[in-house]
Amino acid sequence: MSKFLDKEASDTLYRAILTLKDEDECRRFLQDLCTVSELKAMEQRMEVAMLLDEGLIYSDILEKTGASSATISRVNRCLHYGAEGYQRVIPRLKERR
């Protein structure tokens, strides 16, 4: 685990996220915490992850999302070799659909 993830400030952020009660609170918190560019980047990565999970190919994802091939590749790498965050969240999102 990286040194960044071991910092107390990181723990405070993760604990703060866990206190959020619903989507509206989450949206408000992230809008205060992040810049518009940061939010758009995270939203795009999540969309890319969902499309990769559905089996779409890079060119189709690029066309649908406008994400760069580097972003698509990074998300794909995280899906397969990351910390399993996407693997935990994506099935939960699918259940709610």
PDB file of N, CA and C in Angstrom:
ATOM      1  N   MET A   1       0.848  -1.181   0.000  1.00  0.00           N
ATOM      2  CA  MET A   1       0.000   0.000   0.000  1.00  0.00           C
ATOM      3  C   MET A   1       0.890   1.241   0.000  1.00  0.00           C
ATOM      4  N   SER A   2       0.493   2.258  -0.747  1.00  0.00           N
ATOM      5  CA  SER A   2       1.322   3.450  -0.841  1.00  0.00           C
ATOM      6  C   SER A   2       1.292   4.243   0.453  1.00  0.00           C
ATOM      7  N   LYS A   3       2.299   5.084   0.625  1.00  0.00           N
ATOM      8  CA  LYS A   3       2.371   5.927   1.819  1.00  0.00           C
ATOM      9  C   LYS A   3       1.176   6.862   1.890  1.00  0.00           C
ATOM     10  N   PHE A   4       0.697   7.317   0.725  1.00  0.00           N
ATOM     11  CA  PHE A   4      -0.455   8.220   0.705  1.00  0.00           C
ATOM     12  C   PHE A   4      -1.656   7.574   1.373  1.00  0.00           C
ATOM     13  N   LEU A   5      -1.890   6.319   1.092  1.00  0.00           N
ATOM     14  CA  LEU A   5      -3.074   5.648   1.617  1.00  0.00           C
ATOM     15  C   LEU A   5      -2.980   5.375   3.111  1.00  0.00           C
ATOM     16  N   ASP A   6      -1.787   5.477   3.678  1.00  0.00           N
ATOM     17  CA  ASP A   6      -1.621   5.241   5.096  1.00  0.00           C
ATOM     18  C   ASP A   6      -1.772   6.495   5.940  1.00  0.00           C
ATOM     19  N   LYS A   7      -1.900   7.647   5.316  1.00  0.00           N
ATOM     20  CA  LYS A   7      -1.956   8.902   6.050  1.00  0.00           C
ATOM     21  C   LYS A   7      -3.284   9.072   6.768  1.00  0.00           C
ATOM     22  N   GLU A   8      -3.216   9.722   7.911  1.00  0.00           N
ATOM     23  CA  GLU A   8      -4.427   9.984   8.688  1.00  0.00           C
ATOM     24  C   GLU A   8      -5.428  10.817   7.889  1.00  0.00           C
ATOM     25  N   ALA A   9      -4.929  11.755   7.081  1.00  0.00           N
ATOM     26  CA  ALA A   9      -5.828  12.577   6.265  1.00  0.00           C
ATOM     27  C   ALA A   9      -6.624  11.719   5.294  1.00  0.00           C
ATOM     28  N   SER A  10      -5.998  10.690   4.757  1.00  0.00           N
ATOM     29  CA  SER A  10      -6.712   9.776   3.861  1.00  0.00           C
ATOM     30  C   SER A  10      -7.818   9.067   4.619  1.00  0.00           C
ATOM     31  N   ASP A  11      -7.498   8.612   5.817  1.00  0.00           N
ATOM     32  CA  ASP A  11      -8.511   7.930   6.632  1.00  0.00           C
ATOM     33  C   ASP A  11      -9.683   8.861   6.923  1.00  0.00           C
ATOM     34  N   THR A  12      -9.398  10.116   7.193  1.00  0.00           N
ATOM     35  CA  THR A  12     -10.464  11.079   7.470  1.00  0.00           C
ATOM     36  C   THR A  12     -11.367  11.235   6.256  1.00  0.00           C
ATOM     37  N   LEU A  13     -10.779  11.309   5.077  1.00  0.00           N
ATOM     38  CA  LEU A  13     -11.578  11.420   3.863  1.00  0.00           C
ATOM     39  C   LEU A  13     -12.464  10.193   3.681  1.00  0.00           C
ATOM     40  N   TYR A  14     -11.899   9.013   3.831  1.00  0.00           N
ATOM     41  CA  TYR A  14     -12.679   7.786   3.632  1.00  0.00           C
ATOM     42  C   TYR A  14     -13.782   7.668   4.681  1.00  0.00           C
ATOM     43  N   ARG A  15     -13.495   8.046   5.895  1.00  0.00           N
ATOM     44  CA  ARG A  15     -14.526   8.022   6.943  1.00  0.00           C
ATOM     45  C   ARG A  15     -15.633   9.017   6.625  1.00  0.00           C
ATOM     46  N   ALA A  16     -15.252  10.187   6.109  1.00  0.00           N
ATOM     47  CA  ALA A  16     -16.253  11.193   5.752  1.00  0.00           C
ATOM     48  C   ALA A  16     -17.190  10.651   4.682  1.00  0.00           C
ATOM     49  N   ILE A  17     -16.627   9.977   3.686  1.00  0.00           N
ATOM     50  CA  ILE A  17     -17.451   9.392   2.616  1.00  0.00           C
ATOM     51  C   ILE A  17     -18.419   8.365   3.190  1.00  0.00           C
ATOM     52  N   LEU A  18     -17.940   7.585   4.140  1.00  0.00           N
ATOM     53  CA  LEU A  18     -18.799   6.557   4.738  1.00  0.00           C
ATOM     54  C   LEU A  18     -19.943   7.133   5.577  1.00  0.00           C
ATOM     55  N   THR A  19     -19.861   8.408   5.967  1.00  0.00           N
ATOM     56  CA  THR A  19     -20.946   9.012   6.746  1.00  0.00           C
ATOM     57  C   THR A  19     -22.092   9.504   5.868  1.00  0.00           C
ATOM     58  N   LEU A  20     -21.882   9.555   4.570  1.00  0.00           N
ATOM     59  CA  LEU A  20     -22.910  10.083   3.676  1.00  0.00           C
ATOM     60  C   LEU A  20     -24.115   9.145   3.635  1.00  0.00           C
ATOM     61  N   LYS A  21     -25.298   9.733   3.719  1.00  0.00           N
ATOM     62  CA  LYS A  21     -26.511   8.931   3.882  1.00  0.00           C
ATOM     63  C   LYS A  21     -27.215   8.589   2.573  1.00  0.00           C
ATOM     64  N   ASP A  22     -27.046   9.410   1.548  1.00  0.00           N
ATOM     65  CA  ASP A  22     -27.746   9.139   0.300  1.00  0.00           C
ATOM     66  C   ASP A  22     -27.029   9.816  -0.867  1.00  0.00           C
ATOM     67  N   GLU A  23     -27.576   9.621  -2.058  1.00  0.00           N
ATOM     68  CA  GLU A  23     -26.956  10.150  -3.272  1.00  0.00           C
ATOM     69  C   GLU A  23     -26.867  11.671  -3.240  1.00  0.00           C
ATOM     70  N   ASP A  24     -27.892  12.330  -2.726  1.00  0.00           N
ATOM     71  CA  ASP A  24     -27.878  13.797  -2.664  1.00  0.00           C
ATOM     72  C   ASP A  24     -26.743  14.290  -1.764  1.00  0.00           C
ATOM     73  N   GLU A  25     -26.568  13.681  -0.594  1.00  0.00           N
ATOM     74  CA  GLU A  25     -25.466  14.065   0.293  1.00  0.00           C
ATOM     75  C   GLU A  25     -24.125  13.819  -0.374  1.00  0.00           C
ATOM     76  N   CYS A  26     -24.006  12.709  -1.058  1.00  0.00           N
ATOM     77  CA  CYS A  26     -22.769  12.368  -1.754  1.00  0.00           C
ATOM     78  C   CYS A  26     -22.469  13.399  -2.833  1.00  0.00           C
ATOM     79  N   ARG A  27     -23.458  13.732  -3.618  1.00  0.00           N
ATOM     80  CA  ARG A  27     -23.300  14.723  -4.688  1.00  0.00           C
ATOM     81  C   ARG A  27     -22.838  16.067  -4.110  1.00  0.00           C
ATOM     82  N   ARG A  28     -23.496  16.509  -3.034  1.00  0.00           N
ATOM     83  CA  ARG A  28     -23.153  17.793  -2.415  1.00  0.00           C
ATOM     84  C   ARG A  28     -21.729  17.774  -1.847  1.00  0.00           C
ATOM     85  N   PHE A  29     -21.373  16.697  -1.183  1.00  0.00           N
ATOM     86  CA  PHE A  29     -20.037  16.581  -0.596  1.00  0.00           C
ATOM     87  C   PHE A  29     -18.966  16.610  -1.684  1.00  0.00           C
ATOM     88  N   LEU A  30     -19.161  15.811  -2.727  1.00  0.00           N
ATOM     89  CA  LEU A  30     -18.169  15.759  -3.794  1.00  0.00           C
ATOM     90  C   LEU A  30     -18.081  17.077  -4.558  1.00  0.00           C
ATOM     91  N   GLN A  31     -19.198  17.793  -4.699  1.00  0.00           N
ATOM     92  CA  GLN A  31     -19.165  19.096  -5.358  1.00  0.00           C
ATOM     93  C   GLN A  31     -18.364  20.099  -4.536  1.00  0.00           C
ATOM     94  N   ASP A  32     -18.442  19.990  -3.214  1.00  0.00           N
ATOM     95  CA  ASP A  32     -17.636  20.859  -2.352  1.00  0.00           C
ATOM     96  C   ASP A  32     -16.173  20.442  -2.355  1.00  0.00           C
ATOM     97  N   LEU A  33     -15.933  19.166  -2.383  1.00  0.00           N
ATOM     98  CA  LEU A  33     -14.584  18.620  -2.256  1.00  0.00           C
ATOM     99  C   LEU A  33     -13.765  18.729  -3.537  1.00  0.00           C
ATOM    100  N   CYS A  34     -14.403  18.514  -4.683  1.00  0.00           N
ATOM    101  CA  CYS A  34     -13.685  18.383  -5.950  1.00  0.00           C
ATOM    102  C   CYS A  34     -13.960  19.563  -6.876  1.00  0.00           C
ATOM    103  N   THR A  35     -13.037  19.772  -7.792  1.00  0.00           N
ATOM    104  CA  THR A  35     -13.284  20.734  -8.859  1.00  0.00           C
ATOM    105  C   THR A  35     -14.215  20.088  -9.884  1.00  0.00           C
ATOM    106  N   VAL A  36     -14.779  20.908 -10.747  1.00  0.00           N
ATOM    107  CA  VAL A  36     -15.647  20.387 -11.798  1.00  0.00           C
ATOM    108  C   VAL A  36     -14.860  19.397 -12.667  1.00  0.00           C
ATOM    109  N   SER A  37     -13.615  19.728 -12.979  1.00  0.00           N
ATOM    110  CA  SER A  37     -12.784  18.840 -13.803  1.00  0.00           C
ATOM    111  C   SER A  37     -12.539  17.505 -13.120  1.00  0.00           C
ATOM    112  N   GLU A  38     -12.280  17.529 -11.829  1.00  0.00           N
ATOM    113  CA  GLU A  38     -12.048  16.286 -11.085  1.00  0.00           C
ATOM    114  C   GLU A  38     -13.300  15.420 -11.078  1.00  0.00           C
ATOM    115  N   LEU A  39     -14.444  16.037 -10.853  1.00  0.00           N
ATOM    116  CA  LEU A  39     -15.704  15.284 -10.859  1.00  0.00           C
ATOM    117  C   LEU A  39     -15.980  14.688 -12.229  1.00  0.00           C
ATOM    118  N   LYS A  40     -15.796  15.473 -13.271  1.00  0.00           N
ATOM    119  CA  LYS A  40     -16.031  14.970 -14.625  1.00  0.00           C
ATOM    120  C   LYS A  40     -15.105  13.809 -14.946  1.00  0.00           C
ATOM    121  N   ALA A  41     -13.851  13.896 -14.504  1.00  0.00           N
ATOM    122  CA  ALA A  41     -12.895  12.810 -14.749  1.00  0.00           C
ATOM    123  C   ALA A  41     -13.329  11.540 -14.024  1.00  0.00           C
ATOM    124  N   MET A  42     -13.767  11.675 -12.773  1.00  0.00           N
ATOM    125  CA  MET A  42     -14.213  10.498 -12.019  1.00  0.00           C
ATOM    126  C   MET A  42     -15.483   9.913 -12.615  1.00  0.00           C
ATOM    127  N   GLU A  43     -16.409  10.773 -13.024  1.00  0.00           N
ATOM    128  CA  GLU A  43     -17.641  10.302 -13.655  1.00  0.00           C
ATOM    129  C   GLU A  43     -17.327   9.552 -14.943  1.00  0.00           C
ATOM    130  N   GLN A  44     -16.392  10.092 -15.721  1.00  0.00           N
ATOM    131  CA  GLN A  44     -16.012   9.449 -16.974  1.00  0.00           C
ATOM    132  C   GLN A  44     -15.369   8.090 -16.720  1.00  0.00           C
ATOM    133  N   ARG A  45     -14.482   8.008 -15.715  1.00  0.00           N
ATOM    134  CA  ARG A  45     -13.842   6.724 -15.399  1.00  0.00           C
ATOM    135  C   ARG A  45     -14.874   5.681 -14.982  1.00  0.00           C
ATOM    136  N   MET A  46     -15.866   6.103 -14.223  1.00  0.00           N
ATOM    137  CA  MET A  46     -16.902   5.155 -13.790  1.00  0.00           C
ATOM    138  C   MET A  46     -17.714   4.679 -14.985  1.00  0.00           C
ATOM    139  N   GLU A  47     -18.036   5.600 -15.888  1.00  0.00           N
ATOM    140  CA  GLU A  47     -18.770   5.217 -17.095  1.00  0.00           C
ATOM    141  C   GLU A  47     -17.945   4.247 -17.942  1.00  0.00           C
ATOM    142  N   VAL A  48     -16.663   4.527 -18.085  1.00  0.00           N
ATOM    143  CA  VAL A  48     -15.764   3.643 -18.832  1.00  0.00           C
ATOM    144  C   VAL A  48     -15.726   2.263 -18.186  1.00  0.00           C
ATOM    145  N   ALA A  49     -15.628   2.216 -16.864  1.00  0.00           N
ATOM    146  CA  ALA A  49     -15.585   0.932 -16.157  1.00  0.00           C
ATOM    147  C   ALA A  49     -16.852   0.126 -16.408  1.00  0.00           C
ATOM    148  N   MET A  50     -17.984   0.783 -16.375  1.00  0.00           N
ATOM    149  CA  MET A  50     -19.256   0.089 -16.617  1.00  0.00           C
ATOM    150  C   MET A  50     -19.299  -0.466 -18.043  1.00  0.00           C
ATOM    151  N   LEU A  51     -18.836   0.324 -19.002  1.00  0.00           N
ATOM    152  CA  LEU A  51     -18.860  -0.115 -20.401  1.00  0.00           C
ATOM    153  C   LEU A  51     -17.862  -1.246 -20.648  1.00  0.00           C
ATOM    154  N   LEU A  52     -16.692  -1.169 -20.040  1.00  0.00           N
ATOM    155  CA  LEU A  52     -15.730  -2.270 -20.152  1.00  0.00           C
ATOM    156  C   LEU A  52     -16.310  -3.543 -19.551  1.00  0.00           C
ATOM    157  N   ASP A  53     -16.977  -3.398 -18.425  1.00  0.00           N
ATOM    158  CA  ASP A  53     -17.593  -4.555 -17.774  1.00  0.00           C
ATOM    159  C   ASP A  53     -18.671  -5.178 -18.659  1.00  0.00           C
ATOM    160  N   GLU A  54     -19.331  -4.347 -19.466  1.00  0.00           N
ATOM    161  CA  GLU A  54     -20.353  -4.845 -20.387  1.00  0.00           C
ATOM    162  C   GLU A  54     -19.729  -5.489 -21.628  1.00  0.00           C
ATOM    163  N   GLY A  55     -18.407  -5.372 -21.772  1.00  0.00           N
ATOM    164  CA  GLY A  55     -17.733  -6.020 -22.892  1.00  0.00           C
ATOM    165  C   GLY A  55     -17.498  -5.140 -24.101  1.00  0.00           C
ATOM    166  N   LEU A  56     -17.768  -3.838 -24.000  1.00  0.00           N
ATOM    167  CA  LEU A  56     -17.531  -2.960 -25.135  1.00  0.00           C
ATOM    168  C   LEU A  56     -16.041  -2.843 -25.418  1.00  0.00           C
ATOM    169  N   ILE A  57     -15.713  -2.585 -26.668  1.00  0.00           N
ATOM    170  CA  ILE A  57     -14.319  -2.432 -27.059  1.00  0.00           C
ATOM    171  C   ILE A  57     -13.917  -0.952 -26.978  1.00  0.00           C
ATOM    172  N   TYR A  58     -12.604  -0.737 -26.935  1.00  0.00           N
ATOM    173  CA  TYR A  58     -12.057   0.603 -26.736  1.00  0.00           C
ATOM    174  C   TYR A  58     -12.663   1.637 -27.681  1.00  0.00           C
ATOM    175  N   SER A  59     -12.729   1.320 -28.972  1.00  0.00           N
ATOM    176  CA  SER A  59     -13.208   2.311 -29.946  1.00  0.00           C
ATOM    177  C   SER A  59     -14.664   2.705 -29.676  1.00  0.00           C
ATOM    178  N   ASP A  60     -15.491   1.750 -29.271  1.00  0.00           N
ATOM    179  CA  ASP A  60     -16.886   2.068 -28.946  1.00  0.00           C
ATOM    180  C   ASP A  60     -16.972   2.920 -27.681  1.00  0.00           C
ATOM    181  N   ILE A  61     -16.132   2.611 -26.705  1.00  0.00           N
ATOM    182  CA  ILE A  61     -16.117   3.385 -25.451  1.00  0.00           C
ATOM    183  C   ILE A  61     -15.642   4.802 -25.716  1.00  0.00           C
ATOM    184  N   LEU A  62     -14.618   4.938 -26.541  1.00  0.00           N
ATOM    185  CA  LEU A  62     -14.097   6.252 -26.897  1.00  0.00           C
ATOM    186  C   LEU A  62     -15.195   7.082 -27.570  1.00  0.00           C
ATOM    187  N   GLU A  63     -15.934   6.447 -28.463  1.00  0.00           N
ATOM    188  CA  GLU A  63     -17.012   7.142 -29.168  1.00  0.00           C
ATOM    189  C   GLU A  63     -18.136   7.550 -28.213  1.00  0.00           C
ATOM    190  N   LYS A  64     -18.501   6.669 -27.293  1.00  0.00           N
ATOM    191  CA  LYS A  64     -19.607   6.942 -26.359  1.00  0.00           C
ATOM    192  C   LYS A  64     -19.250   7.967 -25.296  1.00  0.00           C
ATOM    193  N   THR A  65     -18.000   7.931 -24.817  1.00  0.00           N
ATOM    194  CA  THR A  65     -17.630   8.738 -23.649  1.00  0.00           C
ATOM    195  C   THR A  65     -16.694   9.895 -23.950  1.00  0.00           C
ATOM    196  N   GLY A  66     -15.972   9.806 -25.045  1.00  0.00           N
ATOM    197  CA  GLY A  66     -14.960  10.814 -25.326  1.00  0.00           C
ATOM    198  C   GLY A  66     -13.690  10.616 -24.510  1.00  0.00           C
ATOM    199  N   ALA A  67     -13.618   9.530 -23.763  1.00  0.00           N
ATOM    200  CA  ALA A  67     -12.438   9.242 -22.948  1.00  0.00           C
ATOM    201  C   ALA A  67     -11.254   8.923 -23.853  1.00  0.00           C
ATOM    202  N   SER A  68     -10.080   9.318 -23.418  1.00  0.00           N
ATOM    203  CA  SER A  68      -8.879   9.013 -24.190  1.00  0.00           C
ATOM    204  C   SER A  68      -8.563   7.526 -24.077  1.00  0.00           C
ATOM    205  N   SER A  69      -7.767   7.032 -25.018  1.00  0.00           N
ATOM    206  CA  SER A  69      -7.365   5.632 -24.949  1.00  0.00           C
ATOM    207  C   SER A  69      -6.543   5.374 -23.686  1.00  0.00           C
ATOM    208  N   ALA A  70      -5.788   6.392 -23.226  1.00  0.00           N
ATOM    209  CA  ALA A  70      -5.016   6.244 -21.990  1.00  0.00           C
ATOM    210  C   ALA A  70      -5.942   6.056 -20.781  1.00  0.00           C
ATOM    211  N   THR A  71      -7.033   6.812 -20.736  1.00  0.00           N
ATOM    212  CA  THR A  71      -7.996   6.670 -19.636  1.00  0.00           C
ATOM    213  C   THR A  71      -8.663   5.303 -19.688  1.00  0.00           C
ATOM    214  N   ILE A  72      -9.079   4.894 -20.867  1.00  0.00           N
ATOM    215  CA  ILE A  72      -9.728   3.587 -21.015  1.00  0.00           C
ATOM    216  C   ILE A  72      -8.769   2.485 -20.594  1.00  0.00           C
ATOM    217  N   SER A  73      -7.532   2.591 -21.011  1.00  0.00           N
ATOM    218  CA  SER A  73      -6.520   1.603 -20.656  1.00  0.00           C
ATOM    219  C   SER A  73      -6.275   1.567 -19.152  1.00  0.00           C
ATOM    220  N   ARG A  74      -6.197   2.745 -18.535  1.00  0.00           N
ATOM    221  CA  ARG A  74      -5.978   2.821 -17.087  1.00  0.00           C
ATOM    222  C   ARG A  74      -7.130   2.154 -16.326  1.00  0.00           C
ATOM    223  N   VAL A  75      -8.355   2.479 -16.728  1.00  0.00           N
ATOM    224  CA  VAL A  75      -9.520   1.884 -16.065  1.00  0.00           C
ATOM    225  C   VAL A  75      -9.523   0.371 -16.272  1.00  0.00           C
ATOM    226  N   ASN A  76      -9.211  -0.064 -17.474  1.00  0.00           N
ATOM    227  CA  ASN A  76      -9.174  -1.492 -17.758  1.00  0.00           C
ATOM    228  C   ASN A  76      -8.130  -2.197 -16.889  1.00  0.00           C
ATOM    229  N   ARG A  77      -6.976  -1.568 -16.743  1.00  0.00           N
ATOM    230  CA  ARG A  77      -5.919  -2.132 -15.895  1.00  0.00           C
ATOM    231  C   ARG A  77      -6.402  -2.241 -14.444  1.00  0.00           C
ATOM    232  N   CYS A  78      -7.093  -1.209 -13.973  1.00  0.00           N
ATOM    233  CA  CYS A  78      -7.626  -1.244 -12.606  1.00  0.00           C
ATOM    234  C   CYS A  78      -8.697  -2.325 -12.448  1.00  0.00           C
ATOM    235  N   LEU A  79      -9.511  -2.506 -13.481  1.00  0.00           N
ATOM    236  CA  LEU A  79     -10.532  -3.555 -13.439  1.00  0.00           C
ATOM    237  C   LEU A  79      -9.906  -4.936 -13.260  1.00  0.00           C
ATOM    238  N   HIS A  80      -8.753  -5.138 -13.882  1.00  0.00           N
ATOM    239  CA  HIS A  80      -8.125  -6.460 -13.846  1.00  0.00           C
ATOM    240  C   HIS A  80      -7.056  -6.626 -12.778  1.00  0.00           C
ATOM    241  N   TYR A  81      -6.343  -5.553 -12.458  1.00  0.00           N
ATOM    242  CA  TYR A  81      -5.197  -5.685 -11.550  1.00  0.00           C
ATOM    243  C   TYR A  81      -5.208  -4.670 -10.411  1.00  0.00           C
ATOM    244  N   GLY A  82      -6.310  -3.967 -10.232  1.00  0.00           N
ATOM    245  CA  GLY A  82      -6.375  -2.904  -9.229  1.00  0.00           C
ATOM    246  C   GLY A  82      -6.708  -3.417  -7.843  1.00  0.00           C
ATOM    247  N   ALA A  83      -7.219  -2.519  -7.034  1.00  0.00           N
ATOM    248  CA  ALA A  83      -7.536  -2.811  -5.639  1.00  0.00           C
ATOM    249  C   ALA A  83      -8.923  -3.428  -5.460  1.00  0.00           C
ATOM    250  N   GLU A  84      -9.551  -3.828  -6.548  1.00  0.00           N
ATOM    251  CA  GLU A  84     -10.866  -4.475  -6.574  1.00  0.00           C
ATOM    252  C   GLU A  84     -12.024  -3.542  -6.223  1.00  0.00           C
ATOM    253  N   GLY A  85     -11.775  -2.245  -6.296  1.00  0.00           N
ATOM    254  CA  GLY A  85     -12.845  -1.286  -6.025  1.00  0.00           C
ATOM    255  C   GLY A  85     -13.954  -1.353  -7.056  1.00  0.00           C
ATOM    256  N   TYR A  86     -13.567  -1.346  -8.325  1.00  0.00           N
ATOM    257  CA  TYR A  86     -14.586  -1.446  -9.378  1.00  0.00           C
ATOM    258  C   TYR A  86     -15.349  -2.758  -9.273  1.00  0.00           C
ATOM    259  N   GLN A  87     -14.644  -3.855  -8.992  1.00  0.00           N
ATOM    260  CA  GLN A  87     -15.298  -5.168  -8.927  1.00  0.00           C
ATOM    261  C   GLN A  87     -16.334  -5.227  -7.800  1.00  0.00           C
ATOM    262  N   ARG A  88     -16.141  -4.437  -6.772  1.00  0.00           N
ATOM    263  CA  ARG A  88     -17.115  -4.429  -5.687  1.00  0.00           C
ATOM    264  C   ARG A  88     -18.306  -3.537  -5.991  1.00  0.00           C
ATOM    265  N   VAL A  89     -18.048  -2.430  -6.656  1.00  0.00           N
ATOM    266  CA  VAL A  89     -19.095  -1.435  -6.888  1.00  0.00           C
ATOM    267  C   VAL A  89     -19.981  -1.778  -8.081  1.00  0.00           C
ATOM    268  N   ILE A  90     -19.389  -2.223  -9.163  1.00  0.00           N
ATOM    269  CA  ILE A  90     -20.159  -2.464 -10.383  1.00  0.00           C
ATOM    270  C   ILE A  90     -21.318  -3.444 -10.180  1.00  0.00           C
ATOM    271  N   PRO A  91     -21.114  -4.598  -9.533  1.00  0.00           N
ATOM    272  CA  PRO A  91     -22.260  -5.491  -9.311  1.00  0.00           C
ATOM    273  C   PRO A  91     -23.359  -4.840  -8.459  1.00  0.00           C
ATOM    274  N   ARG A  92     -22.984  -4.041  -7.507  1.00  0.00           N
ATOM    275  CA  ARG A  92     -23.973  -3.361  -6.665  1.00  0.00           C
ATOM    276  C   ARG A  92     -24.783  -2.376  -7.479  1.00  0.00           C
ATOM    277  N   LEU A  93     -24.112  -1.658  -8.389  1.00  0.00           N
ATOM    278  CA  LEU A  93     -24.823  -0.717  -9.253  1.00  0.00           C
ATOM    279  C   LEU A  93     -25.777  -1.454 -10.183  1.00  0.00           C
ATOM    280  N   LYS A  94     -25.343  -2.597 -10.699  1.00  0.00           N
ATOM    281  CA  LYS A  94     -26.195  -3.386 -11.588  1.00  0.00           C
ATOM    282  C   LYS A  94     -27.439  -3.888 -10.866  1.00  0.00           C
ATOM    283  N   GLU A  95     -27.284  -4.274  -9.608  1.00  0.00           N
ATOM    284  CA  GLU A  95     -28.427  -4.745  -8.810  1.00  0.00           C
ATOM    285  C   GLU A  95     -29.477  -3.662  -8.657  1.00  0.00           C
ATOM    286  N   ARG A  96     -29.045  -2.414  -8.562  1.00  0.00           N
ATOM    287  CA  ARG A  96     -29.973  -1.302  -8.333  1.00  0.00           C
ATOM    288  C   ARG A  96     -30.696  -0.855  -9.589  1.00  0.00           C
ATOM    289  N   ARG A  97     -30.256  -1.320 -10.754  1.00  0.00           N
ATOM    290  CA  ARG A  97     -30.897  -0.922 -12.019  1.00  0.00           C
ATOM    291  C   ARG A  97     -32.230  -1.563 -12.198  1.00  0.00           C
TER     292      ARG A  97
END
